[in-house]
Protein backbone atom coordinates (compact mmCIF):
# COMPACT_ATOMS: atom_id res chain seq x y z
CA MET A 1 113.63 95.30 126.01
CA ILE A 2 110.91 96.87 123.78
CA ARG A 3 111.50 96.24 120.12
CA PRO A 4 111.26 99.13 117.72
CA VAL A 5 107.82 99.49 116.02
CA PRO A 6 107.98 98.26 112.31
CA VAL A 7 106.60 101.01 110.06
CA LEU A 8 105.47 99.74 106.62
CA CYS A 9 106.37 102.49 104.24
CA PHE A 10 104.62 102.97 100.88
CA PRO A 11 106.22 105.13 98.17
CA TYR A 12 104.74 107.89 96.02
CA ALA A 13 103.85 107.38 92.34
CA GLY A 14 106.63 106.01 90.08
CA ALA A 15 108.87 105.13 93.08
CA GLY A 16 109.95 101.90 94.64
CA ALA A 17 111.23 100.88 98.01
CA SER A 18 114.54 102.61 97.41
CA ALA A 19 112.71 105.94 97.88
CA PHE A 20 113.24 105.31 101.63
CA ARG A 21 116.94 104.26 101.42
CA ARG A 22 118.26 107.50 102.82
CA HIS A 23 115.65 107.49 105.63
CA ARG A 24 116.90 104.14 106.87
CA GLU A 25 120.35 105.63 107.32
CA TYR A 26 119.12 107.33 110.44
CA PRO A 27 119.02 104.80 113.27
CA SER A 28 116.16 104.76 115.71
CA ASP A 29 115.39 102.84 118.91
CA VAL A 30 111.67 103.72 118.46
CA VAL A 31 110.80 102.79 114.83
CA ARG A 32 112.11 100.38 112.23
CA LEU A 33 111.35 101.52 108.65
CA CYS A 34 110.14 98.69 106.43
CA PRO A 35 109.83 99.88 102.84
CA VAL A 36 107.18 97.88 100.88
CA GLN A 37 108.23 97.05 97.32
CA LEU A 38 105.44 97.34 94.76
CA PRO A 39 105.33 95.04 91.75
CA GLY A 40 106.83 96.28 88.49
CA ARG A 41 109.80 98.07 89.87
CA GLU A 42 113.47 97.57 91.04
CA GLU A 43 113.83 93.86 92.00
CA ARG A 44 110.22 93.25 91.06
CA PHE A 45 110.53 94.82 87.62
CA ASP A 46 109.45 91.69 85.74
CA GLU A 47 106.07 91.46 87.57
CA LYS A 48 102.92 92.97 86.25
CA LEU A 49 101.85 96.52 87.14
CA TYR A 50 98.64 97.11 88.99
CA THR A 51 96.06 99.92 88.51
CA ASP A 52 93.79 98.90 91.39
CA VAL A 53 94.65 99.77 94.95
CA ALA A 54 92.77 96.91 96.57
CA GLU A 55 94.31 94.36 94.19
CA VAL A 56 97.89 95.46 94.83
CA VAL A 57 97.37 95.55 98.54
CA ASP A 58 96.09 91.96 98.44
CA ASN A 59 99.29 91.07 96.50
CA LEU A 60 101.44 92.86 99.06
CA LEU A 61 99.87 91.37 102.24
CA PRO A 62 102.22 88.30 102.51
CA ASN A 63 105.27 90.56 102.07
CA MET A 64 103.93 93.00 104.66
CA MET A 65 103.57 90.13 107.16
CA ASP A 66 107.17 89.09 106.44
CA LEU A 67 108.38 92.67 107.10
CA VAL A 68 106.44 92.86 110.42
CA ASN A 69 108.28 89.73 111.36
CA GLY A 70 106.06 88.69 114.40
CA SER A 71 105.92 92.09 116.01
CA PRO A 72 102.69 92.59 118.06
CA ARG A 73 102.36 96.14 116.72
CA VAL A 74 102.73 97.82 113.41
CA ALA A 75 102.31 101.34 111.96
CA LEU A 76 102.10 102.36 108.36
CA PHE A 77 103.32 105.37 106.34
CA GLY A 78 102.55 106.53 102.86
CA HIS A 79 103.13 109.66 100.82
CA SER A 80 100.68 110.81 98.14
CA LEU A 81 99.73 107.57 96.27
CA GLY A 82 101.40 105.80 99.20
CA ALA A 83 98.90 107.37 101.58
CA VAL A 84 95.90 105.57 100.00
CA LEU A 85 97.95 102.30 99.76
CA ALA A 86 98.83 102.55 103.46
CA PHE A 87 95.12 103.32 104.31
CA GLU A 88 93.89 100.28 102.39
CA ALA A 89 96.71 98.10 103.92
CA ALA A 90 95.81 99.36 107.43
CA HIS A 91 92.30 98.02 106.90
CA ARG A 92 93.62 94.65 105.84
CA LEU A 93 95.82 94.47 108.93
CA GLU A 94 93.08 95.55 111.28
CA SER A 95 90.86 92.74 109.87
CA ARG A 96 93.66 90.28 110.23
CA HIS A 97 94.19 91.37 113.80
CA ARG A 98 90.52 90.77 114.63
CA GLU A 99 90.34 87.40 112.84
CA VAL A 100 93.64 85.68 113.21
CA ASP A 101 95.48 87.57 115.91
CA GLY A 102 97.80 89.50 113.61
CA PRO A 103 99.68 92.62 114.63
CA ASP A 104 97.76 95.53 116.13
CA VAL A 105 97.75 98.71 113.99
CA LEU A 106 99.26 101.33 116.24
CA ARG A 107 98.83 104.33 113.86
CA LEU A 108 98.52 105.29 110.24
CA PHE A 109 100.74 108.11 108.86
CA VAL A 110 99.51 109.79 105.75
CA SER A 111 101.66 112.43 104.04
CA GLY A 112 101.20 115.01 101.25
CA SER A 113 97.64 113.75 100.70
CA ALA A 114 94.10 115.00 100.75
CA GLY A 115 91.51 112.72 102.28
CA PRO A 116 90.92 109.42 100.54
CA TRP A 117 87.47 110.44 99.19
CA THR A 118 88.77 113.61 97.51
CA ARG A 119 88.93 113.48 93.65
CA ARG A 120 91.33 115.42 91.44
CA ALA A 121 89.65 118.06 89.38
CA ASP A 122 92.02 117.67 86.37
CA PRO A 123 93.30 114.04 86.15
CA ALA A 124 96.42 112.98 84.29
CA THR A 125 95.20 109.47 83.24
CA GLY A 126 94.81 109.18 79.46
CA LEU A 127 96.93 112.06 78.48
CA SER A 128 99.63 111.98 75.74
CA ASP A 129 103.18 111.30 77.10
CA ASP A 130 104.27 114.92 77.03
CA ARG A 131 101.08 116.22 78.58
CA PHE A 132 101.05 113.43 81.16
CA VAL A 133 104.64 114.21 82.28
CA ALA A 134 103.84 117.88 82.54
CA ARG A 135 100.60 117.20 84.56
CA VAL A 136 102.41 114.83 86.86
CA ARG A 137 105.05 117.51 87.49
CA GLU A 138 102.20 119.85 88.43
CA LEU A 139 100.64 117.30 90.74
CA ALA A 140 103.86 116.29 92.46
CA GLY A 141 105.84 119.44 92.42
CA TYR A 142 108.67 117.23 91.51
CA GLU A 143 109.93 115.44 88.39
CA HIS A 144 112.01 112.21 88.44
CA PRO A 145 115.40 113.01 86.70
CA ALA A 146 114.95 110.00 84.43
CA LEU A 147 111.98 111.73 82.81
CA SER A 148 114.31 114.23 81.02
CA HIS A 149 116.11 111.40 79.22
CA PRO A 150 114.08 109.81 76.31
CA GLN A 151 115.28 106.19 76.82
CA LEU A 152 114.93 106.28 80.62
CA ARG A 153 111.51 107.96 80.23
CA GLU A 154 110.34 105.08 78.07
CA VAL A 155 111.25 102.71 80.87
CA LEU A 156 109.71 104.76 83.71
CA LEU A 157 106.48 105.95 82.05
CA PRO A 158 104.53 102.65 82.23
CA THR A 159 105.07 102.38 85.93
CA LEU A 160 104.22 106.01 86.50
CA ARG A 161 101.11 105.87 84.34
CA ALA A 162 99.91 102.68 86.23
CA ASP A 163 100.49 104.34 89.64
CA VAL A 164 98.71 107.55 88.60
CA ALA A 165 95.75 105.54 87.20
CA MET A 166 95.62 103.53 90.44
CA HIS A 167 95.59 106.75 92.55
CA GLU A 168 93.00 108.57 90.41
CA SER A 169 90.65 105.62 90.20
CA TYR A 170 90.70 104.74 93.94
CA ARG A 171 87.24 104.80 95.47
CA PRO A 172 87.18 103.71 99.12
CA PRO A 173 83.76 102.50 100.35
CA SER A 174 81.73 105.37 101.78
CA GLY A 175 82.23 105.59 105.53
CA LEU A 176 85.13 103.15 105.60
CA ARG A 177 87.02 104.15 108.78
CA LEU A 178 89.93 102.81 110.77
CA ALA A 179 89.95 102.03 114.48
CA ALA A 180 93.62 103.21 114.60
CA PRO A 181 94.51 106.83 114.99
CA ILE A 182 95.86 108.82 112.03
CA THR A 183 98.66 111.39 111.77
CA SER A 184 98.44 113.60 108.69
CA ILE A 185 101.76 115.12 107.76
CA ARG A 186 102.11 118.17 105.46
CA GLY A 187 105.06 120.23 104.44
CA SER A 188 104.30 123.84 105.60
CA GLY A 189 105.23 125.09 102.06
CA ASP A 190 103.12 122.48 100.20
CA ASP A 191 101.26 124.36 97.52
CA LEU A 192 99.66 121.15 96.18
CA VAL A 193 97.88 119.90 99.31
CA SER A 194 96.25 122.52 101.53
CA ALA A 195 96.08 122.29 105.37
CA GLU A 196 92.29 121.82 104.96
CA GLU A 197 92.74 118.94 102.54
CA ALA A 198 95.33 117.24 104.77
CA ALA A 199 92.86 117.56 107.64
CA GLN A 200 90.18 115.58 105.65
CA TRP A 201 91.74 112.37 107.04
CA SER A 202 89.96 113.00 110.29
CA ALA A 203 86.87 111.42 108.60
CA ALA A 204 88.83 108.23 107.93
CA THR A 205 89.14 107.08 111.59
CA THR A 206 87.04 106.59 114.66
CA ALA A 207 89.95 107.54 116.79
CA GLU A 208 91.99 110.79 116.79
CA CYS A 209 93.55 112.40 113.78
CA ARG A 210 96.54 114.65 114.43
CA MET A 211 97.91 117.22 112.00
CA VAL A 212 101.62 117.62 111.86
CA GLU A 213 103.29 120.36 109.66
CA VAL A 214 107.00 120.19 108.95
CA ALA A 215 109.40 122.49 107.22
CA GLY A 216 109.45 122.05 103.44
CA GLY A 217 107.28 121.60 100.42
CA HIS A 218 105.25 118.73 98.98
CA MET A 219 108.35 116.53 98.74
CA TYR A 220 109.81 117.40 102.07
CA LEU A 221 110.67 113.69 102.71
CA ILE A 222 113.11 113.72 99.76
CA ASP A 223 114.67 117.04 100.75
CA SER A 224 115.05 116.22 104.43
CA PRO A 225 115.00 112.42 105.33
CA PRO A 226 115.59 112.95 109.12
CA THR A 227 112.39 114.99 109.35
CA LEU A 228 110.22 112.05 108.53
CA VAL A 229 112.09 109.81 110.96
CA GLN A 230 111.71 112.38 113.71
CA VAL A 231 107.96 112.60 113.12
CA LEU A 232 107.51 108.80 113.21
CA GLU A 233 109.42 108.67 116.49
CA GLN A 234 107.38 111.35 118.05
CA GLU A 235 104.05 109.93 117.10
CA CYS A 236 104.63 106.20 117.72
């Protein structure tokens, strides 16, 4: 019997592994969703926050290997910030596969994201709290409900600021490309990431890059959890 492919899932800025809780409620014989918990949130709340993609991926590598649990193959998924985290993690796993016989990277799924070398024209890092929250709302097309409550906002803002700084400062080495194929997913109504920007991921692999559009906007994965599971099943 073929085991389902583990899919390491990296959340968007400000979120933790629980962002994928509803997606895991939809059983699949093809994929096994494995949310990756970043430091500084949920059960890892007391750990330091990172603002560097490469450093946090190094921190996460042992946990990723535990989640893969000996499977010979692995896929990775990430939305927005999660897309560049998954991209960097895929490189680590490809190196591990070559050097110590780790799992083979079957495919990278990037979602709601321009190519990894694209820079934001109007960054949010360094803005005052109110301007920062407003800018993040523009960038994400979504606002975490806790941001409307002063006490909860005070708890959430450090994590969100660290994540946004991590995303906006990310600079992958020029020409760094995966051997694994990439699927770039975009909500058809996404007015934050254009189809042309989503297609930029073709430059990040020496294999094929497929574009998949699904119904919904930038945060389609929140509005329709089954949609994501269906795309992963079809592409794995």
